[in-house]
Amino acid sequence: MLRRTLPAIVVVVSAALLFAAVGLSKSQATPTLVGTTGPGFTITLTKQGKAVKSLPAGTYKFVIHDKAAIHNFVVEKEKGANKIEKKITSVPFVGTKTVTIKLTPGTWKFYCVPHEAAGMGRTFKVM
């Protein structure tokens, strides 16, 4: 009897471990932030359709849609000795770019360099 049930137990346990591993890998997927600049003088950064105001520290995938040749999209950690600046798109690029950035605690901002003084940028907190 044990010889017949042992293979069945091994199959059930293996399947359970496989499902657990798949579920764990999905829960640890890199979160995606979506940024848009243009076509007018607008710039946004969202997570699951909501404006980013604060995030937990970690690694994020930034998908940036640059819709105007006169804009760019830059992500920067303000203040501190370890300033971080990532120019994701540049003038005159139009299209979509994807990058992965590790966000550390502090105040971050995203902005368009040529139009930052005109208010084309926002800040968010990383805890």
Foldseek 3Di string as FASTA:
>chain_A
DCVVCVVVVVVVVVVVVVVVVVVVVVVPDAFEWEWEQDPPLEIAIGGPPHGAAEEEFFKHKYKYAYAALQWWKKKWFDDDPDIDIDGQGDHGDGGIGIDMDGGDFHKMKMATVVCVVVPGMDIHGYD
